[in-house]
Amino acid sequence: MTRDAAQLDSDETATHAAAALRLVGALEGVVLGQPAAVRETVAALLARGHVLLEGVPGTAKTLLVRALGLALGLEFRRIQFTPDLMPSDITGVSLLTAPGSFTFRPGPIFGDLVLGDEINRAPAKTQAALLEAMQERRVTVDGVSHVLPESFTVFATQNPIEFEGTYPLPEAELDRFMVKVLAGYPDEPVERGILERVLGGFEADQPPSYGIERVADADQLQLLRGAVRRVRVEPSLLGYITAIVRATRSSPVLTLGASPRGSVALLKMAQAAALLAGRGYVVPDDVKELAPAVLRHRVVVAPELELEGITADIALHAIIEKIEAPR
């Protein structure tokens, strides 16, 4: 099959975009005041990537993932990360069921949408248990590999302001997350709307109260993922993505730049964003708008500049503005 034959036509684009937007709409009806977080999360899911959600407690991070599972009819599993959590508590164990016979008992990682709550509260050894699962989509226990579900996606949450009793995420693990999504406080009208929903019977710990209907299933998710891979990307945009990522490695503001995995993630996220916008092709704005979400957790700001208030997003925006976008 040629490259052109593999691309989306206008009818396919419209059909798949409508399906993707139904998913976004279902989530925005439950998670109020977080439109950017919703779209970035859906785009990452369509691009077959894992998501790191950062925000203070109470900003609907868990609600977002739980609602996503309901909208897709997928199995949602939650792992509460704690300092005493062991790798086997995540991956599973082999149990002796008869003399000389072992049976594998799968851990909570064997789900479709797996939420690692407060992931930075577990030590590095336990965090590392996710590496193989996130990269290879399988886990190995006692020398035997077990394949994870096709829809397997990790969503991890962390609190940006609480550091006591936490462990920094290793760079190798951070790099496995396609995006770092920021969940902030809603504005005043939205927060009032949240209170009105609670008076109307909404309870975050009772999914039936969400009023969310399933808008797709696992098979349709795979179709959407296939459509994302067929979104057209011009060679000039490949150069644009490459230039942005390589500029993070030479910036005097950053002590660590993004890896080639960051380039791949930005490409896939731009394709997903294009589909959500109803297009079968990527434009420079897709890359510009998503670059901070894709790269902010892959770069490190120089300590002395961080003390002056320079954040990864500020540094990335400065880099992006200096690079001319293709016409």
C-alpha atoms as a PDB file:
ATOM      1  CA  MET A   1       0.000   0.000   0.000  1.00  0.00           C
ATOM      2  CA  THR A   2       1.351   3.437  -0.935  1.00  0.00           C
ATOM      3  CA  ARG A   3       1.630   6.326   1.470  1.00  0.00           C
ATOM      4  CA  ASP A   4      -1.241   8.195  -0.246  1.00  0.00           C
ATOM      5  CA  ALA A   5      -3.509   5.132  -0.185  1.00  0.00           C
ATOM      6  CA  ALA A   6      -2.985   4.820   3.561  1.00  0.00           C
ATOM      7  CA  GLN A   7      -4.118   8.363   4.305  1.00  0.00           C
ATOM      8  CA  LEU A   8      -7.592   9.315   5.479  1.00  0.00           C
ATOM      9  CA  ASP A   9     -10.120  10.582   2.974  1.00  0.00           C
ATOM     10  CA  SER A  10     -12.559  13.348   3.895  1.00  0.00           C
ATOM     11  CA  ASP A  11     -15.448  11.008   4.744  1.00  0.00           C
ATOM     12  CA  GLU A  12     -13.292   8.848   7.021  1.00  0.00           C
ATOM     13  CA  THR A  13     -11.879  11.936   8.691  1.00  0.00           C
ATOM     14  CA  ALA A  14     -15.349  13.310   9.422  1.00  0.00           C
ATOM     15  CA  THR A  15     -16.589   9.975  10.769  1.00  0.00           C
ATOM     16  CA  HIS A  16     -13.621   9.380  13.056  1.00  0.00           C
ATOM     17  CA  ALA A  17     -13.470  13.012  14.198  1.00  0.00           C
ATOM     18  CA  ALA A  18     -17.146  12.896  15.167  1.00  0.00           C
ATOM     19  CA  ALA A  19     -16.553   9.732  17.209  1.00  0.00           C
ATOM     20  CA  ALA A  20     -13.557  11.286  18.964  1.00  0.00           C
ATOM     21  CA  LEU A  21     -15.482  14.474  19.734  1.00  0.00           C
ATOM     22  CA  ARG A  22     -18.346  12.467  21.205  1.00  0.00           C
ATOM     23  CA  LEU A  23     -15.820  11.070  23.659  1.00  0.00           C
ATOM     24  CA  VAL A  24     -14.523  14.551  24.488  1.00  0.00           C
ATOM     25  CA  GLY A  25     -18.079  15.827  24.946  1.00  0.00           C
ATOM     26  CA  ALA A  26     -18.985  12.961  27.274  1.00  0.00           C
ATOM     27  CA  LEU A  27     -15.998  13.743  29.484  1.00  0.00           C
ATOM     28  CA  GLU A  28     -16.552  17.502  29.497  1.00  0.00           C
ATOM     29  CA  GLY A  29     -20.084  16.837  30.727  1.00  0.00           C
ATOM     30  CA  VAL A  30     -18.615  15.223  33.849  1.00  0.00           C
ATOM     31  CA  VAL A  31     -15.247  16.938  34.348  1.00  0.00           C
ATOM     32  CA  LEU A  32     -16.147  20.623  34.456  1.00  0.00           C
ATOM     33  CA  GLY A  33     -13.687  23.422  33.845  1.00  0.00           C
ATOM     34  CA  GLN A  34     -10.817  21.302  32.510  1.00  0.00           C
ATOM     35  CA  PRO A  35     -11.172  21.472  28.693  1.00  0.00           C
ATOM     36  CA  ALA A  36      -7.434  21.424  27.968  1.00  0.00           C
ATOM     37  CA  ALA A  37      -6.827  18.480  30.322  1.00  0.00           C
ATOM     38  CA  VAL A  38      -9.706  16.547  28.745  1.00  0.00           C
ATOM     39  CA  ARG A  39      -8.523  17.109  25.175  1.00  0.00           C
ATOM     40  CA  GLU A  40      -4.882  16.347  25.933  1.00  0.00           C
ATOM     41  CA  THR A  41      -5.881  13.164  27.761  1.00  0.00           C
ATOM     42  CA  VAL A  42      -8.121  11.982  24.920  1.00  0.00           C
ATOM     43  CA  ALA A  43      -5.458  12.848  22.339  1.00  0.00           C
ATOM     44  CA  ALA A  44      -2.876  10.812  24.260  1.00  0.00           C
ATOM     45  CA  LEU A  45      -5.255   7.856  24.494  1.00  0.00           C
ATOM     46  CA  LEU A  46      -5.904   8.009  20.744  1.00  0.00           C
ATOM     47  CA  ALA A  47      -2.150   8.260  20.140  1.00  0.00           C
ATOM     48  CA  ARG A  48      -1.664   5.127  22.271  1.00  0.00           C
ATOM     49  CA  GLY A  49       0.294   6.953  24.950  1.00  0.00           C
ATOM     50  CA  HIS A  50       0.385   7.055  28.735  1.00  0.00           C
ATOM     51  CA  VAL A  51      -0.602  10.154  30.726  1.00  0.00           C
ATOM     52  CA  LEU A  52       0.908  11.839  33.792  1.00  0.00           C
ATOM     53  CA  LEU A  53      -1.720  13.998  35.515  1.00  0.00           C
ATOM     54  CA  GLU A  54      -0.429  16.694  37.850  1.00  0.00           C
ATOM     55  CA  GLY A  55      -2.594  18.852  40.063  1.00  0.00           C
ATOM     56  CA  VAL A  56      -3.468  19.563  43.656  1.00  0.00           C
ATOM     57  CA  PRO A  57      -5.988  17.227  45.318  1.00  0.00           C
ATOM     58  CA  GLY A  58      -9.593  17.751  44.307  1.00  0.00           C
ATOM     59  CA  THR A  59      -9.038  18.853  40.695  1.00  0.00           C
ATOM     60  CA  ALA A  60     -10.852  15.870  39.119  1.00  0.00           C
ATOM     61  CA  LYS A  61      -7.823  13.818  38.051  1.00  0.00           C
ATOM     62  CA  THR A  62      -9.268  10.492  39.212  1.00  0.00           C
ATOM     63  CA  LEU A  63     -12.725  11.521  38.038  1.00  0.00           C
ATOM     64  CA  LEU A  64     -11.387  12.143  34.541  1.00  0.00           C
ATOM     65  CA  VAL A  65      -9.942   8.642  34.199  1.00  0.00           C
ATOM     66  CA  ARG A  66     -12.943   6.951  35.771  1.00  0.00           C
ATOM     67  CA  ALA A  67     -15.297   8.829  33.427  1.00  0.00           C
ATOM     68  CA  LEU A  68     -13.110   7.866  30.478  1.00  0.00           C
ATOM     69  CA  GLY A  69     -13.505   4.200  31.381  1.00  0.00           C
ATOM     70  CA  LEU A  70     -17.291   4.567  31.568  1.00  0.00           C
ATOM     71  CA  ALA A  71     -17.490   6.418  28.245  1.00  0.00           C
ATOM     72  CA  LEU A  72     -15.539   3.634  26.526  1.00  0.00           C
ATOM     73  CA  GLY A  73     -16.891   0.671  28.467  1.00  0.00           C
ATOM     74  CA  LEU A  74     -13.343  -0.246  29.495  1.00  0.00           C
ATOM     75  CA  GLU A  75     -12.129  -1.756  32.747  1.00  0.00           C
ATOM     76  CA  PHE A  76     -10.856   0.875  35.175  1.00  0.00           C
ATOM     77  CA  ARG A  77      -8.374  -0.130  37.871  1.00  0.00           C
ATOM     78  CA  ARG A  78      -6.809   2.038  40.541  1.00  0.00           C
ATOM     79  CA  ILE A  79      -3.521   1.428  42.344  1.00  0.00           C
ATOM     80  CA  GLN A  80      -2.839   3.539  45.430  1.00  0.00           C
ATOM     81  CA  PHE A  81       0.933   4.065  45.503  1.00  0.00           C
ATOM     82  CA  THR A  82       2.400   4.040  49.018  1.00  0.00           C
ATOM     83  CA  PRO A  83       5.949   3.732  50.417  1.00  0.00           C
ATOM     84  CA  ASP A  84       5.391   0.052  51.313  1.00  0.00           C
ATOM     85  CA  LEU A  85       3.947  -0.959  47.924  1.00  0.00           C
ATOM     86  CA  MET A  86       5.922  -3.812  46.365  1.00  0.00           C
ATOM     87  CA  PRO A  87       6.430  -4.513  42.625  1.00  0.00           C
ATOM     88  CA  SER A  88       4.501  -7.785  42.960  1.00  0.00           C
ATOM     89  CA  ASP A  89       1.541  -5.790  44.337  1.00  0.00           C
ATOM     90  CA  ILE A  90       1.336  -4.232  40.871  1.00  0.00           C
ATOM     91  CA  THR A  91       2.332  -6.969  38.449  1.00  0.00           C
ATOM     92  CA  GLY A  92       1.009 -10.056  40.252  1.00  0.00           C
ATOM     93  CA  VAL A  93       2.538 -13.221  41.707  1.00  0.00           C
ATOM     94  CA  SER A  94       2.940 -16.895  40.901  1.00  0.00           C
ATOM     95  CA  LEU A  95       1.258 -19.048  43.546  1.00  0.00           C
ATOM     96  CA  LEU A  96       2.012 -22.667  44.342  1.00  0.00           C
ATOM     97  CA  THR A  97      -1.322 -24.414  43.724  1.00  0.00           C
ATOM     98  CA  ALA A  98      -0.096 -28.023  43.663  1.00  0.00           C
ATOM     99  CA  PRO A  99       3.233 -29.783  44.172  1.00  0.00           C
ATOM    100  CA  GLY A 100       5.503 -28.423  41.436  1.00  0.00           C
ATOM    101  CA  SER A 101       2.685 -26.397  39.859  1.00  0.00           C
ATOM    102  CA  PHE A 102       2.421 -22.631  39.903  1.00  0.00           C
ATOM    103  CA  THR A 103      -0.492 -20.442  38.833  1.00  0.00           C
ATOM    104  CA  PHE A 104      -0.068 -16.790  37.944  1.00  0.00           C
ATOM    105  CA  ARG A 105      -2.385 -14.399  39.767  1.00  0.00           C
ATOM    106  CA  PRO A 106      -2.513 -11.143  37.741  1.00  0.00           C
ATOM    107  CA  GLY A 107      -2.050  -7.874  39.593  1.00  0.00           C
ATOM    108  CA  PRO A 108      -4.056  -4.677  39.112  1.00  0.00           C
ATOM    109  CA  ILE A 109      -1.813  -3.673  36.187  1.00  0.00           C
ATOM    110  CA  PHE A 110      -3.904  -6.069  34.063  1.00  0.00           C
ATOM    111  CA  GLY A 111      -6.620  -3.562  33.265  1.00  0.00           C
ATOM    112  CA  ASP A 112      -7.569  -1.342  30.356  1.00  0.00           C
ATOM    113  CA  LEU A 113      -7.234   2.035  32.066  1.00  0.00           C
ATOM    114  CA  VAL A 114      -4.908   1.779  35.066  1.00  0.00           C
ATOM    115  CA  LEU A 115      -4.694   4.745  37.438  1.00  0.00           C
ATOM    116  CA  GLY A 116      -1.534   4.967  39.538  1.00  0.00           C
ATOM    117  CA  ASP A 117      -2.621   7.373  42.252  1.00  0.00           C
ATOM    118  CA  GLU A 118       0.154   9.508  43.796  1.00  0.00           C
ATOM    119  CA  ILE A 119       2.783   7.569  41.885  1.00  0.00           C
ATOM    120  CA  ASN A 120       5.628   9.541  43.454  1.00  0.00           C
ATOM    121  CA  ARG A 121       4.847   8.107  46.902  1.00  0.00           C
ATOM    122  CA  ALA A 122       6.299   4.695  45.984  1.00  0.00           C
ATOM    123  CA  PRO A 123      10.071   4.009  45.977  1.00  0.00           C
ATOM    124  CA  ALA A 124      12.001   3.705  42.723  1.00  0.00           C
ATOM    125  CA  LYS A 125      11.979  -0.103  42.800  1.00  0.00           C
ATOM    126  CA  THR A 126       8.187  -0.161  42.749  1.00  0.00           C
ATOM    127  CA  GLN A 127       7.922   2.629  40.198  1.00  0.00           C
ATOM    128  CA  ALA A 128      10.251   0.609  37.960  1.00  0.00           C
ATOM    129  CA  ALA A 129       7.669  -2.184  37.866  1.00  0.00           C
ATOM    130  CA  LEU A 130       5.713   0.038  35.491  1.00  0.00           C
ATOM    131  CA  LEU A 131       8.563   0.508  33.012  1.00  0.00           C
ATOM    132  CA  GLU A 132       8.229  -2.794  31.169  1.00  0.00           C
ATOM    133  CA  ALA A 133       4.442  -2.575  31.226  1.00  0.00           C
ATOM    134  CA  MET A 134       4.415   0.952  29.787  1.00  0.00           C
ATOM    135  CA  GLN A 135       7.033   0.322  27.116  1.00  0.00           C
ATOM    136  CA  GLU A 136       6.427  -3.300  26.097  1.00  0.00           C
ATOM    137  CA  ARG A 137       2.768  -3.610  27.183  1.00  0.00           C
ATOM    138  CA  ARG A 138       3.553  -6.817  28.996  1.00  0.00           C
ATOM    139  CA  VAL A 139       4.960  -7.863  32.375  1.00  0.00           C
ATOM    140  CA  THR A 140       7.452 -10.589  33.191  1.00  0.00           C
ATOM    141  CA  VAL A 141       7.022 -12.553  36.414  1.00  0.00           C
ATOM    142  CA  ASP A 142       9.350 -15.447  37.283  1.00  0.00           C
ATOM    143  CA  GLY A 143      10.730 -15.408  33.758  1.00  0.00           C
ATOM    144  CA  VAL A 144       7.320 -15.707  32.088  1.00  0.00           C
ATOM    145  CA  SER A 145       5.908 -12.815  30.016  1.00  0.00           C
ATOM    146  CA  HIS A 146       2.228 -11.938  30.254  1.00  0.00           C
ATOM    147  CA  VAL A 147       0.653  -9.691  27.616  1.00  0.00           C
ATOM    148  CA  LEU A 148      -1.460  -6.774  28.803  1.00  0.00           C
ATOM    149  CA  PRO A 149      -4.844  -5.838  27.257  1.00  0.00           C
ATOM    150  CA  GLU A 150      -4.775  -4.070  23.878  1.00  0.00           C
ATOM    151  CA  SER A 151      -6.364  -0.960  25.412  1.00  0.00           C
ATOM    152  CA  PHE A 152      -3.893  -0.875  28.327  1.00  0.00           C
ATOM    153  CA  THR A 153      -3.037   2.707  29.252  1.00  0.00           C
ATOM    154  CA  VAL A 154      -1.393   4.071  32.401  1.00  0.00           C
ATOM    155  CA  PHE A 155      -2.664   7.271  33.997  1.00  0.00           C
ATOM    156  CA  ALA A 156      -0.525   8.416  36.914  1.00  0.00           C
ATOM    157  CA  THR A 157      -1.286  11.302  39.274  1.00  0.00           C
ATOM    158  CA  GLN A 158       1.020  13.385  41.405  1.00  0.00           C
ATOM    159  CA  ASN A 159       0.656  16.399  43.680  1.00  0.00           C
ATOM    160  CA  PRO A 160       2.953  19.306  42.643  1.00  0.00           C
ATOM    161  CA  ILE A 161       3.095  20.950  46.071  1.00  0.00           C
ATOM    162  CA  GLU A 162       3.542  18.086  48.540  1.00  0.00           C
ATOM    163  CA  PHE A 163       7.068  16.656  48.684  1.00  0.00           C
ATOM    164  CA  GLU A 164       7.309  15.083  52.147  1.00  0.00           C
ATOM    165  CA  GLY A 165       7.270  11.299  51.865  1.00  0.00           C
ATOM    166  CA  THR A 166       7.609  11.335  48.079  1.00  0.00           C
ATOM    167  CA  TYR A 167      10.238  10.042  45.676  1.00  0.00           C
ATOM    168  CA  PRO A 168      11.178  11.816  42.431  1.00  0.00           C
ATOM    169  CA  LEU A 169      10.173   9.921  39.316  1.00  0.00           C
ATOM    170  CA  PRO A 170      13.217   8.619  37.410  1.00  0.00           C
ATOM    171  CA  GLU A 171      13.828  10.330  34.054  1.00  0.00           C
ATOM    172  CA  ALA A 172      13.512   6.954  32.298  1.00  0.00           C
ATOM    173  CA  GLU A 173      10.016   6.546  33.687  1.00  0.00           C
ATOM    174  CA  LEU A 174       8.971  10.133  32.998  1.00  0.00           C
ATOM    175  CA  ASP A 175      10.038   9.673  29.396  1.00  0.00           C
ATOM    176  CA  ARG A 176       7.526   6.826  29.017  1.00  0.00           C
ATOM    177  CA  PHE A 177       4.616   9.182  29.606  1.00  0.00           C
ATOM    178  CA  MET A 178       3.496  10.688  26.323  1.00  0.00           C
ATOM    179  CA  VAL A 179       2.165  13.838  28.003  1.00  0.00           C
ATOM    180  CA  LYS A 180       2.114  15.585  31.332  1.00  0.00           C
ATOM    181  CA  VAL A 181      -1.360  17.066  31.738  1.00  0.00           C
ATOM    182  CA  LEU A 182      -1.884  19.892  34.226  1.00  0.00           C
ATOM    183  CA  ALA A 183      -5.176  19.970  36.125  1.00  0.00           C
ATOM    184  CA  GLY A 184      -5.706  23.407  37.640  1.00  0.00           C
ATOM    185  CA  TYR A 185      -8.412  25.123  39.642  1.00  0.00           C
ATOM    186  CA  PRO A 186     -11.647  25.888  37.751  1.00  0.00           C
ATOM    187  CA  ASP A 187     -12.815  29.474  37.413  1.00  0.00           C
ATOM    188  CA  GLU A 188     -15.572  30.862  39.624  1.00  0.00           C
ATOM    189  CA  PRO A 189     -18.648  30.140  37.421  1.00  0.00           C
ATOM    190  CA  VAL A 190     -17.475  26.559  36.825  1.00  0.00           C
ATOM    191  CA  GLU A 191     -16.851  25.985  40.527  1.00  0.00           C
ATOM    192  CA  ARG A 192     -20.353  27.231  41.270  1.00  0.00           C
ATOM    193  CA  GLY A 193     -21.625  24.835  38.610  1.00  0.00           C
ATOM    194  CA  ILE A 194     -19.854  21.977  40.393  1.00  0.00           C
ATOM    195  CA  LEU A 195     -21.737  22.827  43.576  1.00  0.00           C
ATOM    196  CA  GLU A 196     -25.016  22.891  41.680  1.00  0.00           C
ATOM    197  CA  ARG A 197     -24.274  19.438  40.281  1.00  0.00           C
ATOM    198  CA  VAL A 198     -23.620  18.135  43.784  1.00  0.00           C
ATOM    199  CA  LEU A 199     -26.998  19.511  44.904  1.00  0.00           C
ATOM    200  CA  GLY A 200     -28.466  17.686  41.922  1.00  0.00           C
ATOM    201  CA  GLY A 201     -27.159  14.340  43.180  1.00  0.00           C
ATOM    202  CA  PHE A 202     -23.651  14.087  41.730  1.00  0.00           C
ATOM    203  CA  GLU A 203     -21.143  12.193  43.893  1.00  0.00           C
ATOM    204  CA  ALA A 204     -17.576  11.592  42.694  1.00  0.00           C
ATOM    205  CA  ASP A 205     -17.444   8.178  44.418  1.00  0.00           C
ATOM    206  CA  GLN A 206     -20.687   6.990  42.796  1.00  0.00           C
ATOM    207  CA  PRO A 207     -20.191   6.517  39.026  1.00  0.00           C
ATOM    208  CA  PRO A 208     -23.938   6.018  38.345  1.00  0.00           C
ATOM    209  CA  SER A 209     -24.445   9.644  39.412  1.00  0.00           C
ATOM    210  CA  TYR A 210     -22.184  10.894  36.602  1.00  0.00           C
ATOM    211  CA  GLY A 211     -24.952  10.516  34.039  1.00  0.00           C
ATOM    212  CA  ILE A 212     -22.397   9.442  31.449  1.00  0.00           C
ATOM    213  CA  GLU A 213     -23.310   7.107  28.610  1.00  0.00           C
ATOM    214  CA  ARG A 214     -20.962   4.843  26.715  1.00  0.00           C
ATOM    215  CA  VAL A 215     -20.090   6.497  23.403  1.00  0.00           C
ATOM    216  CA  ALA A 216     -17.598   3.915  22.094  1.00  0.00           C
ATOM    217  CA  ASP A 217     -16.008   0.564  22.956  1.00  0.00           C
ATOM    218  CA  ALA A 218     -12.604  -1.122  22.779  1.00  0.00           C
ATOM    219  CA  ASP A 219     -12.976  -1.975  19.080  1.00  0.00           C
ATOM    220  CA  GLN A 220     -13.919   1.585  18.180  1.00  0.00           C
ATOM    221  CA  LEU A 221     -10.958   2.851  20.199  1.00  0.00           C
ATOM    222  CA  GLN A 222      -8.650   0.705  18.075  1.00  0.00           C
ATOM    223  CA  LEU A 223     -10.283   2.080  14.915  1.00  0.00           C
ATOM    224  CA  LEU A 224      -9.666   5.625  16.124  1.00  0.00           C
ATOM    225  CA  ARG A 225      -6.064   4.790  16.936  1.00  0.00           C
ATOM    226  CA  GLY A 226      -5.656   3.411  13.435  1.00  0.00           C
ATOM    227  CA  ALA A 227      -7.136   6.600  12.007  1.00  0.00           C
ATOM    228  CA  VAL A 228      -4.666   8.722  13.989  1.00  0.00           C
ATOM    229  CA  ARG A 229      -1.751   6.822  12.466  1.00  0.00           C
ATOM    230  CA  ARG A 230      -3.095   7.664   8.988  1.00  0.00           C
ATOM    231  CA  VAL A 231      -3.293  11.423   9.553  1.00  0.00           C
ATOM    232  CA  ARG A 232      -1.009  13.061   6.979  1.00  0.00           C
ATOM    233  CA  VAL A 233       2.165  14.816   8.111  1.00  0.00           C
ATOM    234  CA  GLU A 234       4.167  16.870   5.596  1.00  0.00           C
ATOM    235  CA  PRO A 235       7.988  16.531   5.591  1.00  0.00           C
ATOM    236  CA  SER A 236       8.337  20.187   6.592  1.00  0.00           C
ATOM    237  CA  LEU A 237       6.450  19.450   9.816  1.00  0.00           C
ATOM    238  CA  LEU A 238       8.791  16.580  10.609  1.00  0.00           C
ATOM    239  CA  GLY A 239      11.608  19.112  10.386  1.00  0.00           C
ATOM    240  CA  TYR A 240       9.670  21.527  12.622  1.00  0.00           C
ATOM    241  CA  ILE A 241       9.160  18.877  15.316  1.00  0.00           C
ATOM    242  CA  THR A 242      12.814  17.870  15.102  1.00  0.00           C
ATOM    243  CA  ALA A 243      13.971  21.482  15.407  1.00  0.00           C
ATOM    244  CA  ILE A 244      11.874  22.116  18.522  1.00  0.00           C
ATOM    245  CA  VAL A 245      13.056  18.988  20.330  1.00  0.00           C
ATOM    246  CA  ARG A 246      16.707  19.468  19.383  1.00  0.00           C
ATOM    247  CA  ALA A 247      16.557  23.098  20.566  1.00  0.00           C
ATOM    248  CA  THR A 248      15.715  21.879  24.087  1.00  0.00           C
ATOM    249  CA  ARG A 249      19.112  20.144  24.198  1.00  0.00           C
ATOM    250  CA  SER A 250      21.105  23.297  23.442  1.00  0.00           C
ATOM    251  CA  SER A 251      19.075  25.809  25.446  1.00  0.00           C
ATOM    252  CA  PRO A 252      21.114  27.548  28.192  1.00  0.00           C
ATOM    253  CA  VAL A 253      17.975  27.579  30.335  1.00  0.00           C
ATOM    254  CA  LEU A 254      17.720  23.780  30.428  1.00  0.00           C
ATOM    255  CA  THR A 255      20.172  21.286  31.884  1.00  0.00           C
ATOM    256  CA  LEU A 256      18.381  18.352  30.275  1.00  0.00           C
ATOM    257  CA  GLY A 257      16.666  18.352  26.892  1.00  0.00           C
ATOM    258  CA  ALA A 258      14.047  16.035  25.453  1.00  0.00           C
ATOM    259  CA  SER A 259      14.978  12.640  24.009  1.00  0.00           C
ATOM    260  CA  PRO A 260      14.080  11.300  20.537  1.00  0.00           C
ATOM    261  CA  ARG A 261      11.140   9.612  22.264  1.00  0.00           C
ATOM    262  CA  GLY A 262       9.853  13.128  22.848  1.00  0.00           C
ATOM    263  CA  SER A 263       9.970  13.785  19.092  1.00  0.00           C
ATOM    264  CA  VAL A 264       7.934  10.643  18.427  1.00  0.00           C
ATOM    265  CA  ALA A 265       5.424  11.582  21.124  1.00  0.00           C
ATOM    266  CA  LEU A 266       4.996  15.093  19.714  1.00  0.00           C
ATOM    267  CA  LEU A 267       4.412  13.677  16.227  1.00  0.00           C
ATOM    268  CA  LYS A 268       1.742  11.242  17.429  1.00  0.00           C
ATOM    269  CA  MET A 269       0.023  13.823  19.619  1.00  0.00           C
ATOM    270  CA  ALA A 270      -0.089  16.290  16.710  1.00  0.00           C
ATOM    271  CA  GLN A 271      -1.765  13.621  14.570  1.00  0.00           C
ATOM    272  CA  ALA A 272      -4.349  12.975  17.295  1.00  0.00           C
ATOM    273  CA  ALA A 273      -4.988  16.710  17.719  1.00  0.00           C
ATOM    274  CA  ALA A 274      -5.537  17.062  13.982  1.00  0.00           C
ATOM    275  CA  LEU A 275      -8.167  14.309  14.027  1.00  0.00           C
ATOM    276  CA  LEU A 276      -9.921  15.936  16.997  1.00  0.00           C
ATOM    277  CA  ALA A 277      -9.987  19.146  14.952  1.00  0.00           C
ATOM    278  CA  GLY A 278     -11.675  17.327  12.075  1.00  0.00           C
ATOM    279  CA  ARG A 279      -8.638  17.340   9.809  1.00  0.00           C
ATOM    280  CA  GLY A 280      -6.848  14.490   8.069  1.00  0.00           C
ATOM    281  CA  TYR A 281      -3.574  16.427   8.120  1.00  0.00           C
ATOM    282  CA  VAL A 282      -1.369  18.119  10.712  1.00  0.00           C
ATOM    283  CA  VAL A 283      -0.767  21.883  10.758  1.00  0.00           C
ATOM    284  CA  PRO A 284       1.991  23.763  12.625  1.00  0.00           C
ATOM    285  CA  ASP A 285      -0.430  24.948  15.311  1.00  0.00           C
ATOM    286  CA  ASP A 286      -1.077  21.318  16.313  1.00  0.00           C
ATOM    287  CA  VAL A 287       2.616  20.993  17.098  1.00  0.00           C
ATOM    288  CA  LYS A 288       2.933  24.385  18.825  1.00  0.00           C
ATOM    289  CA  GLU A 289      -0.092  23.899  21.076  1.00  0.00           C
ATOM    290  CA  LEU A 290       0.893  20.431  22.257  1.00  0.00           C
ATOM    291  CA  ALA A 291       4.654  20.845  22.567  1.00  0.00           C
ATOM    292  CA  PRO A 292       4.501  22.023  26.222  1.00  0.00           C
ATOM    293  CA  ALA A 293       2.322  19.076  27.301  1.00  0.00           C
ATOM    294  CA  VAL A 294       4.594  16.602  25.518  1.00  0.00           C
ATOM    295  CA  LEU A 295       7.927  18.092  26.577  1.00  0.00           C
ATOM    296  CA  ARG A 296       7.446  19.743  29.994  1.00  0.00           C
ATOM    297  CA  HIS A 297       8.256  16.554  31.937  1.00  0.00           C
ATOM    298  CA  ARG A 298      11.184  15.616  29.695  1.00  0.00           C
ATOM    299  CA  VAL A 299      13.267  18.747  30.311  1.00  0.00           C
ATOM    300  CA  VAL A 300      14.971  20.092  33.419  1.00  0.00           C
ATOM    301  CA  VAL A 301      15.325  23.819  34.136  1.00  0.00           C
ATOM    302  CA  ALA A 302      18.683  25.016  35.482  1.00  0.00           C
ATOM    303  CA  PRO A 303      18.364  25.207  39.304  1.00  0.00           C
ATOM    304  CA  GLU A 304      19.452  28.847  39.549  1.00  0.00           C
ATOM    305  CA  LEU A 305      16.846  29.874  36.961  1.00  0.00           C
ATOM    306  CA  GLU A 306      14.167  27.765  38.602  1.00  0.00           C
ATOM    307  CA  LEU A 307      14.720  29.782  41.774  1.00  0.00           C
ATOM    308  CA  GLU A 308      13.973  32.898  39.731  1.00  0.00           C
ATOM    309  CA  GLY A 309      10.594  31.492  38.717  1.00  0.00           C
ATOM    310  CA  ILE A 310      11.484  30.078  35.308  1.00  0.00           C
ATOM    311  CA  THR A 311       9.386  26.973  34.662  1.00  0.00           C
ATOM    312  CA  ALA A 312       9.659  24.311  31.990  1.00  0.00           C
ATOM    313  CA  ASP A 313       6.642  25.799  30.216  1.00  0.00           C
ATOM    314  CA  ILE A 314       8.184  29.272  30.132  1.00  0.00           C
ATOM    315  CA  ALA A 315      11.406  27.858  28.706  1.00  0.00           C
ATOM    316  CA  LEU A 316       9.553  25.786  26.116  1.00  0.00           C
ATOM    317  CA  HIS A 317       7.391  28.687  24.963  1.00  0.00           C
ATOM    318  CA  ALA A 318      10.534  30.788  24.464  1.00  0.00           C
ATOM    319  CA  ILE A 319      12.127  28.017  22.401  1.00  0.00           C
ATOM    320  CA  ILE A 320       9.018  27.515  20.257  1.00  0.00           C
ATOM    321  CA  GLU A 321       8.708  31.243  19.518  1.00  0.00           C
ATOM    322  CA  LYS A 322      12.286  31.352  18.191  1.00  0.00           C
ATOM    323  CA  ILE A 323      11.724  28.541  15.682  1.00  0.00           C
ATOM    324  CA  GLU A 324       9.987  29.518  12.467  1.00  0.00           C
ATOM    325  CA  ALA A 325       6.978  27.376  11.717  1.00  0.00           C
ATOM    326  CA  PRO A 326       6.626  25.997   8.184  1.00  0.00           C
ATOM    327  CA  ARG A 327       4.097  27.766   6.004  1.00  0.00           C
END
